[in-house]
C-alpha atoms as a PDB file:
ATOM      1  CA  ASP A   1       5.622 -55.909  77.811  1.00  0.00           C
ATOM      2  CA  ASN A   2       2.561 -57.570  76.289  1.00  0.00           C
ATOM      3  CA  THR A   3       2.734 -60.737  78.413  1.00  0.00           C
ATOM      4  CA  GLY A   4       0.253 -59.462  80.982  1.00  0.00           C
ATOM      5  CA  ASN A   5       2.686 -60.162  83.844  1.00  0.00           C
ATOM      6  CA  SER A   6       3.722 -56.560  84.310  1.00  0.00           C
ATOM      7  CA  THR A   7       1.864 -54.099  86.472  1.00  0.00           C
ATOM      8  CA  GLU A   8       2.922 -51.316  84.124  1.00  0.00           C
ATOM      9  CA  PRO A   9       0.612 -50.325  81.214  1.00  0.00           C
ATOM     10  CA  SER A  10       1.244 -52.230  77.978  1.00  0.00           C
ATOM     11  CA  VAL A  11       3.190 -50.410  75.299  1.00  0.00           C
ATOM     12  CA  PRO A  12       2.044 -51.085  71.682  1.00  0.00           C
ATOM     13  CA  ILE A  13       4.809 -52.481  69.474  1.00  0.00           C
ATOM     14  CA  SER A  14       4.932 -51.110  65.930  1.00  0.00           C
ATOM     15  CA  LYS A  15       6.991 -52.702  63.132  1.00  0.00           C
ATOM     16  CA  GLU A  16       7.380 -51.385  59.609  1.00  0.00           C
ATOM     17  CA  ALA A  17       8.491 -53.283  56.493  1.00  0.00           C
ATOM     18  CA  ARG A  18       9.123 -51.933  53.036  1.00  0.00           C
ATOM     19  CA  MET A  19       9.183 -53.906  49.744  1.00  0.00           C
ATOM     20  CA  MET A  20       9.863 -53.087  46.114  1.00  0.00           C
ATOM     21  CA  LEU A  21       7.346 -54.329  43.529  1.00  0.00           C
ATOM     22  CA  LYS A  22       8.849 -54.755  40.051  1.00  0.00           C
ATOM     23  CA  VAL A  23       6.320 -54.812  37.193  1.00  0.00           C
ATOM     24  CA  ASN A  24       7.241 -56.469  33.873  1.00  0.00           C
ATOM     25  CA  VAL A  25       5.064 -55.688  30.840  1.00  0.00           C
ATOM     26  CA  PRO A  26       5.075 -57.796  27.634  1.00  0.00           C
ATOM     27  CA  PRO A  27       5.048 -56.071  24.218  1.00  0.00           C
ATOM     28  CA  GLU A  28       1.633 -54.693  23.287  1.00  0.00           C
ATOM     29  CA  LYS A  29       2.110 -54.374  19.518  1.00  0.00           C
ATOM     30  CA  VAL A  30       4.576 -55.550  16.848  1.00  0.00           C
ATOM     31  CA  GLU A  31       4.791 -54.064  13.335  1.00  0.00           C
ATOM     32  CA  ILE A  32       7.024 -54.909  10.380  1.00  0.00           C
ATOM     33  CA  THR A  33       7.600 -52.680   7.338  1.00  0.00           C
ATOM     34  CA  HIS A  34       9.815 -53.152   4.300  1.00  0.00           C
ATOM     35  CA  LEU A  35      11.252 -51.582   1.166  1.00  0.00           C
ATOM     36  CA  THR A  36      12.555 -53.590  -1.784  1.00  0.00           C
ATOM     37  CA  SER A  37      14.846 -52.855  -4.704  1.00  0.00           C
ATOM     38  CA  GLY A  38      15.364 -55.962  -6.778  1.00  0.00           C
ATOM     39  CA  ARG A  39      16.842 -58.534  -4.406  1.00  0.00           C
ATOM     40  CA  ASN A  40      17.854 -55.898  -1.855  1.00  0.00           C
ATOM     41  CA  LEU A  41      15.562 -55.708   1.171  1.00  0.00           C
ATOM     42  CA  SER A  42      15.263 -53.107   3.902  1.00  0.00           C
ATOM     43  CA  LEU A  43      13.237 -54.468   6.831  1.00  0.00           C
ATOM     44  CA  ARG A  44      12.161 -52.659   9.992  1.00  0.00           C
ATOM     45  CA  CYS A  45      10.467 -54.274  12.991  1.00  0.00           C
ATOM     46  CA  LYS A  46       9.062 -52.318  15.936  1.00  0.00           C
ATOM     47  CA  SER A  47       7.928 -53.618  19.317  1.00  0.00           C
ATOM     48  CA  GLU A  48       5.797 -51.219  21.358  1.00  0.00           C
ATOM     49  CA  GLY A  49       4.884 -50.931  25.030  1.00  0.00           C
ATOM     50  CA  ALA A  50       7.246 -53.332  26.842  1.00  0.00           C
ATOM     51  CA  LYS A  51       9.056 -53.175  30.165  1.00  0.00           C
ATOM     52  CA  PRO A  52      11.961 -53.795  30.175  1.00  0.00           C
ATOM     53  CA  PRO A  53      12.707 -53.312  26.443  1.00  0.00           C
ATOM     54  CA  ALA A  54      12.128 -56.375  24.273  1.00  0.00           C
ATOM     55  CA  ASP A  55      14.786 -58.141  22.197  1.00  0.00           C
ATOM     56  CA  ILE A  56      14.472 -58.557  18.416  1.00  0.00           C
ATOM     57  CA  LEU A  57      16.030 -61.135  16.136  1.00  0.00           C
ATOM     58  CA  TRP A  58      15.435 -62.097  12.500  1.00  0.00           C
ATOM     59  CA  THR A  59      14.962 -65.536  10.953  1.00  0.00           C
ATOM     60  CA  LYS A  60      14.407 -66.890   7.455  1.00  0.00           C
ATOM     61  CA  THR A  61      12.301 -69.966   6.638  1.00  0.00           C
ATOM     62  CA  SER A  62      12.971 -71.950   3.473  1.00  0.00           C
ATOM     63  CA  PRO A  63      10.119 -73.423   1.361  1.00  0.00           C
ATOM     64  CA  ASP A  64      10.703 -76.814   3.008  1.00  0.00           C
ATOM     65  CA  GLY A  65      10.169 -75.333   6.488  1.00  0.00           C
ATOM     66  CA  VAL A  66      13.762 -74.984   7.747  1.00  0.00           C
ATOM     67  CA  GLU A  67      14.152 -71.861   9.901  1.00  0.00           C
ATOM     68  CA  THR A  68      17.589 -70.231  10.300  1.00  0.00           C
ATOM     69  CA  GLU A  69      18.650 -67.064  12.065  1.00  0.00           C
ATOM     70  CA  ILE A  70      19.800 -64.165   9.882  1.00  0.00           C
ATOM     71  CA  PRO A  71      23.281 -62.997  10.927  1.00  0.00           C
ATOM     72  CA  ASP A  72      23.703 -59.599  12.569  1.00  0.00           C
ATOM     73  CA  LEU A  73      24.803 -57.830   9.398  1.00  0.00           C
ATOM     74  CA  SER A  74      24.073 -54.146   8.749  1.00  0.00           C
ATOM     75  CA  LYS A  75      21.655 -53.917  11.668  1.00  0.00           C
ATOM     76  CA  THR A  76      20.618 -50.847  13.645  1.00  0.00           C
ATOM     77  CA  ARG A  77      18.551 -50.802  16.855  1.00  0.00           C
ATOM     78  CA  GLU A  78      16.707 -48.002  18.628  1.00  0.00           C
ATOM     79  CA  ILE A  79      15.145 -48.056  22.112  1.00  0.00           C
ATOM     80  CA  GLU A  80      12.828 -45.191  22.980  1.00  0.00           C
ATOM     81  CA  PRO A  81      10.969 -44.596  26.265  1.00  0.00           C
ATOM     82  CA  ALA A  82       7.189 -44.318  26.054  1.00  0.00           C
ATOM     83  CA  GLY A  83       6.154 -43.183  29.504  1.00  0.00           C
ATOM     84  CA  GLU A  84       7.149 -45.992  31.847  1.00  0.00           C
ATOM     85  CA  LEU A  85       7.323 -48.461  28.934  1.00  0.00           C
ATOM     86  CA  TYR A  86       9.762 -48.861  26.048  1.00  0.00           C
ATOM     87  CA  ASP A  87       9.557 -49.172  22.254  1.00  0.00           C
ATOM     88  CA  THR A  88      12.244 -51.183  20.475  1.00  0.00           C
ATOM     89  CA  ALA A  89      12.855 -50.808  16.729  1.00  0.00           C
ATOM     90  CA  GLU A  90      15.389 -52.670  14.628  1.00  0.00           C
ATOM     91  CA  GLN A  91      16.248 -52.305  10.956  1.00  0.00           C
ATOM     92  CA  ILE A  92      18.249 -54.718   8.817  1.00  0.00           C
ATOM     93  CA  PHE A  93      19.435 -54.746   5.218  1.00  0.00           C
ATOM     94  CA  TYR A  94      19.347 -58.145   3.529  1.00  0.00           C
ATOM     95  CA  GLN A  95      20.031 -59.377   0.015  1.00  0.00           C
ATOM     96  CA  LEU A  96      18.213 -62.404  -1.370  1.00  0.00           C
ATOM     97  CA  GLU A  97      20.395 -64.982  -3.073  1.00  0.00           C
ATOM     98  CA  GLU A  98      20.264 -65.512  -6.829  1.00  0.00           C
ATOM     99  CA  ASN A  99      18.502 -68.881  -6.528  1.00  0.00           C
ATOM    100  CA  GLU A 100      15.982 -67.732  -3.918  1.00  0.00           C
ATOM    101  CA  MET A 101      12.555 -67.659  -5.568  1.00  0.00           C
ATOM    102  CA  ILE A 102      10.643 -67.455  -2.285  1.00  0.00           C
ATOM    103  CA  ALA A 103      11.747 -66.341   1.186  1.00  0.00           C
ATOM    104  CA  LYS A 104       9.743 -66.075   4.389  1.00  0.00           C
ATOM    105  CA  ILE A 105      11.414 -63.642   6.801  1.00  0.00           C
ATOM    106  CA  SER A 106      10.264 -63.343  10.409  1.00  0.00           C
ATOM    107  CA  CYS A 107      10.792 -60.671  13.029  1.00  0.00           C
ATOM    108  CA  VAL A 108      10.972 -62.528  16.351  1.00  0.00           C
ATOM    109  CA  VAL A 109      10.272 -60.333  19.391  1.00  0.00           C
ATOM    110  CA  ARG A 110      11.311 -61.901  22.698  1.00  0.00           C
ATOM    111  CA  HIS A 111      10.539 -60.570  26.154  1.00  0.00           C
ATOM    112  CA  HIS A 112      12.361 -62.829  28.571  1.00  0.00           C
ATOM    113  CA  ASN A 113      10.981 -61.255  31.745  1.00  0.00           C
ATOM    114  CA  THR A 114       7.414 -62.283  30.835  1.00  0.00           C
ATOM    115  CA  ASN A 115       8.340 -65.379  28.782  1.00  0.00           C
ATOM    116  CA  THR A 116       6.688 -63.856  25.708  1.00  0.00           C
ATOM    117  CA  THR A 117       7.629 -64.521  22.063  1.00  0.00           C
ATOM    118  CA  ILE A 118       5.855 -62.845  19.121  1.00  0.00           C
ATOM    119  CA  TYR A 119       6.406 -63.683  15.443  1.00  0.00           C
ATOM    120  CA  LYS A 120       5.684 -61.241  12.615  1.00  0.00           C
ATOM    121  CA  ASN A 121       6.210 -62.706   9.150  1.00  0.00           C
ATOM    122  CA  ILE A 122       6.586 -61.362   5.632  1.00  0.00           C
ATOM    123  CA  THR A 123       7.053 -63.436   2.457  1.00  0.00           C
ATOM    124  CA  PHE A 124       8.917 -62.366  -0.674  1.00  0.00           C
ATOM    125  CA  VAL A 125       8.257 -64.104  -3.998  1.00  0.00           C
ATOM    126  CA  SER A 126      10.133 -63.628  -7.249  1.00  0.00           C
ATOM    127  CA  PRO A 127       7.943 -62.072  -9.971  1.00  0.00           C
ATOM    128  CA  ALA A 128       9.056 -64.907 -12.266  1.00  0.00           C
ATOM    129  CA  ILE A 129       6.890 -67.403 -10.360  1.00  0.00           C
ATOM    130  CA  GLN A 130       4.277 -65.134  -8.820  1.00  0.00           C
ATOM    131  CA  ASN A 131       0.639 -65.455  -9.828  1.00  0.00           C
ATOM    132  CA  ALA A 132      -1.974 -63.545  -7.874  1.00  0.00           C
ATOM    133  CA  LEU A 133      -5.734 -63.707  -7.676  1.00  0.00           C
ATOM    134  CA  LYS A 134      -7.037 -60.521  -6.114  1.00  0.00           C
ATOM    135  CA  VAL A 135     -10.320 -61.118  -4.352  1.00  0.00           C
ATOM    136  CA  THR A 136     -12.595 -58.085  -4.571  1.00  0.00           C
ATOM    137  CA  ILE A 137     -15.706 -58.416  -2.431  1.00  0.00           C
ATOM    138  CA  GLN A 138     -18.744 -56.197  -2.109  1.00  0.00           C
ATOM    139  CA  ARG A 139     -21.357 -56.937   0.515  1.00  0.00           C
ATOM    140  CA  PHE A 140     -25.120 -57.332   0.082  1.00  0.00           C
ATOM    141  CA  ALA A 141     -24.739 -60.357  -2.215  1.00  0.00           C
ATOM    142  CA  GLU A 142     -22.876 -58.492  -4.943  1.00  0.00           C
ATOM    143  CA  PRO A 143     -20.558 -60.612  -7.171  1.00  0.00           C
ATOM    144  CA  VAL A 144     -17.008 -61.460  -6.127  1.00  0.00           C
ATOM    145  CA  LEU A 145     -14.660 -60.722  -9.016  1.00  0.00           C
ATOM    146  CA  TYR A 146     -11.348 -62.527  -9.512  1.00  0.00           C
ATOM    147  CA  SER A 147      -8.875 -61.002 -11.936  1.00  0.00           C
ATOM    148  CA  SER A 148      -5.352 -62.149 -12.733  1.00  0.00           C
ATOM    149  CA  ILE A 149      -2.482 -59.743 -12.130  1.00  0.00           C
ATOM    150  CA  GLU A 150       0.485 -59.479 -14.469  1.00  0.00           C
ATOM    151  CA  ASN A 151       4.015 -59.955 -13.243  1.00  0.00           C
ATOM    152  CA  GLN A 152       5.628 -56.978 -11.600  1.00  0.00           C
ATOM    153  CA  ASP A 153       8.348 -56.683 -14.240  1.00  0.00           C
ATOM    154  CA  GLY A 154       6.040 -57.660 -17.112  1.00  0.00           C
ATOM    155  CA  GLN A 155       8.938 -59.298 -18.928  1.00  0.00           C
ATOM    156  CA  ASP A 156       9.475 -62.802 -17.550  1.00  0.00           C
ATOM    157  CA  ASN A 157       7.415 -65.287 -19.549  1.00  0.00           C
ATOM    158  CA  LYS A 158       8.009 -68.160 -17.128  1.00  0.00           C
ATOM    159  CA  ALA A 159       5.066 -67.086 -15.005  1.00  0.00           C
ATOM    160  CA  GLY A 160       2.840 -67.719 -18.012  1.00  0.00           C
ATOM    161  CA  LEU A 161       3.374 -71.457 -17.542  1.00  0.00           C
ATOM    162  CA  VAL A 162       1.177 -71.417 -14.455  1.00  0.00           C
ATOM    163  CA  LYS A 163      -2.563 -71.223 -15.108  1.00  0.00           C
ATOM    164  CA  ILE A 164      -5.174 -70.564 -12.441  1.00  0.00           C
ATOM    165  CA  SER A 165      -8.881 -71.345 -12.625  1.00  0.00           C
ATOM    166  CA  ALA A 166     -11.757 -70.978 -10.182  1.00  0.00           C
ATOM    167  CA  ASP A 167     -14.647 -73.350  -9.504  1.00  0.00           C
ATOM    168  CA  PRO A 168     -17.607 -72.653  -9.694  1.00  0.00           C
ATOM    169  CA  GLY A 169     -16.371 -69.587 -11.569  1.00  0.00           C
ATOM    170  CA  PHE A 170     -14.659 -66.222 -11.409  1.00  0.00           C
ATOM    171  CA  LYS A 171     -17.850 -64.444 -10.352  1.00  0.00           C
ATOM    172  CA  VAL A 172     -19.604 -65.777  -7.273  1.00  0.00           C
ATOM    173  CA  PRO A 173     -21.978 -64.272  -4.677  1.00  0.00           C
ATOM    174  CA  TYR A 174     -20.767 -62.929  -1.361  1.00  0.00           C
ATOM    175  CA  ASN A 175     -20.060 -65.546   1.344  1.00  0.00           C
ATOM    176  CA  THR A 176     -19.585 -68.286  -1.258  1.00  0.00           C
ATOM    177  CA  SER A 177     -16.987 -71.062  -1.245  1.00  0.00           C
ATOM    178  CA  VAL A 178     -14.554 -71.227  -4.165  1.00  0.00           C
ATOM    179  CA  THR A 179     -11.898 -73.748  -5.186  1.00  0.00           C
ATOM    180  CA  LEU A 180      -8.798 -72.351  -6.903  1.00  0.00           C
ATOM    181  CA  LYS A 181      -6.895 -74.729  -9.188  1.00  0.00           C
ATOM    182  CA  ALA A 182      -3.355 -74.345 -10.515  1.00  0.00           C
ATOM    183  CA  ALA A 183      -1.944 -76.119 -13.544  1.00  0.00           C
ATOM    184  CA  ALA A 184       1.249 -75.993 -15.608  1.00  0.00           C
ATOM    185  CA  PRO A 185       0.443 -77.372 -19.077  1.00  0.00           C
ATOM    186  CA  GLY A 186       3.408 -78.857 -20.897  1.00  0.00           C
ATOM    187  CA  VAL A 187       5.623 -78.968 -17.801  1.00  0.00           C
ATOM    188  CA  PHE A 188       7.279 -82.302 -16.962  1.00  0.00           C
ATOM    189  CA  PRO A 189       7.534 -83.669 -14.377  1.00  0.00           C
ATOM    190  CA  GLU A 190       4.518 -82.248 -12.556  1.00  0.00           C
ATOM    191  CA  PRO A 191       5.636 -79.310 -10.382  1.00  0.00           C
ATOM    192  CA  ARG A 192       4.849 -78.823  -6.720  1.00  0.00           C
ATOM    193  CA  TYR A 193       2.319 -76.151  -5.770  1.00  0.00           C
ATOM    194  CA  LEU A 194       2.168 -74.037  -2.615  1.00  0.00           C
ATOM    195  CA  TRP A 195      -0.703 -71.633  -1.854  1.00  0.00           C
ATOM    196  CA  TRP A 196      -0.787 -68.912   0.791  1.00  0.00           C
ATOM    197  CA  VAL A 197      -2.501 -65.681   1.736  1.00  0.00           C
ATOM    198  CA  GLY A 198      -1.046 -62.944   3.961  1.00  0.00           C
ATOM    199  CA  ASP A 199       1.104 -64.356   6.764  1.00  0.00           C
ATOM    200  CA  GLN A 200      -0.603 -67.737   6.878  1.00  0.00           C
ATOM    201  CA  THR A 201       1.384 -70.939   6.505  1.00  0.00           C
ATOM    202  CA  GLY A 202       1.466 -72.274   2.955  1.00  0.00           C
ATOM    203  CA  ILE A 203      -0.939 -75.022   1.856  1.00  0.00           C
ATOM    204  CA  ALA A 204       0.483 -77.605  -0.527  1.00  0.00           C
ATOM    205  CA  GLY A 205      -1.453 -79.057  -3.467  1.00  0.00           C
ATOM    206  CA  ARG A 206      -2.883 -78.149  -6.875  1.00  0.00           C
ATOM    207  CA  GLU A 207      -6.153 -76.958  -5.361  1.00  0.00           C
ATOM    208  CA  LEU A 208      -7.043 -74.446  -2.649  1.00  0.00           C
ATOM    209  CA  ARG A 209     -10.554 -74.298  -1.207  1.00  0.00           C
ATOM    210  CA  ILE A 210     -11.687 -70.947   0.184  1.00  0.00           C
ATOM    211  CA  ASP A 211     -14.768 -71.090   2.401  1.00  0.00           C
ATOM    212  CA  ASN A 212     -17.180 -68.205   2.972  1.00  0.00           C
ATOM    213  CA  LEU A 213     -15.378 -65.252   1.355  1.00  0.00           C
ATOM    214  CA  GLU A 214     -15.979 -62.137   3.447  1.00  0.00           C
ATOM    215  CA  GLU A 215     -13.067 -59.731   2.958  1.00  0.00           C
ATOM    216  CA  ASP A 216     -10.502 -58.506   0.415  1.00  0.00           C
ATOM    217  CA  LYS A 217      -7.458 -60.765   0.079  1.00  0.00           C
ATOM    218  CA  SER A 218      -4.739 -61.589  -2.429  1.00  0.00           C
ATOM    219  CA  TYR A 219      -3.972 -65.283  -2.941  1.00  0.00           C
ATOM    220  CA  TYR A 220      -0.649 -66.532  -4.268  1.00  0.00           C
ATOM    221  CA  VAL A 221       0.500 -69.824  -5.709  1.00  0.00           C
ATOM    222  CA  LEU A 222       4.114 -70.949  -6.037  1.00  0.00           C
ATOM    223  CA  ALA A 223       4.895 -73.556  -8.709  1.00  0.00           C
ATOM    224  CA  GLU A 224       8.264 -75.230  -8.197  1.00  0.00           C
ATOM    225  CA  ASN A 225       9.922 -77.857 -10.364  1.00  0.00           C
ATOM    226  CA  PRO A 226      13.341 -78.792  -8.857  1.00  0.00           C
END
């Protein structure tokens, strides 16, 4: 009786409550690896450090930007505990179509409990239309050397239609800006050009300006004449 009206000593009242705290952890790291044999692709995507385990799905983006989900064909999934967290790995086998000259495939990792979505992209280009400029950079104002790379199969002459030049030149000092130009002499009508590097979104146009070169990269140009 804690009202103060009783002549008896007050008795402390103790109440106890118990609650469960559920901790959700978004994925910490996402990696994608691949093996190729002609048009046959083996792709593996791994999400690390999530709780509960993350979901993985695969999509393909066409050159005009249309993204579609890859059906669940020949897919295997593994979920492994890592302490109190979980790693999710998924591997798919996919075959590029005969008319596919370029394909951007994405591993989409979704963690619904934390409303997290992570994209990891990889782009495949047919050797018939692939031209690469490998940027080799040495620090301390040493020259930056651009050198063309032959086609992977070394047999398809179509890639020879696309010419690449660099302005102000193929040798420039470190931290210099360079403009790459693509041309297809004798091709009619004028083809469309798409530049990209790594996982970045493609940049359309005959020219690509690169500002302040500071690290090794390989640049690609796709010439397409529908």
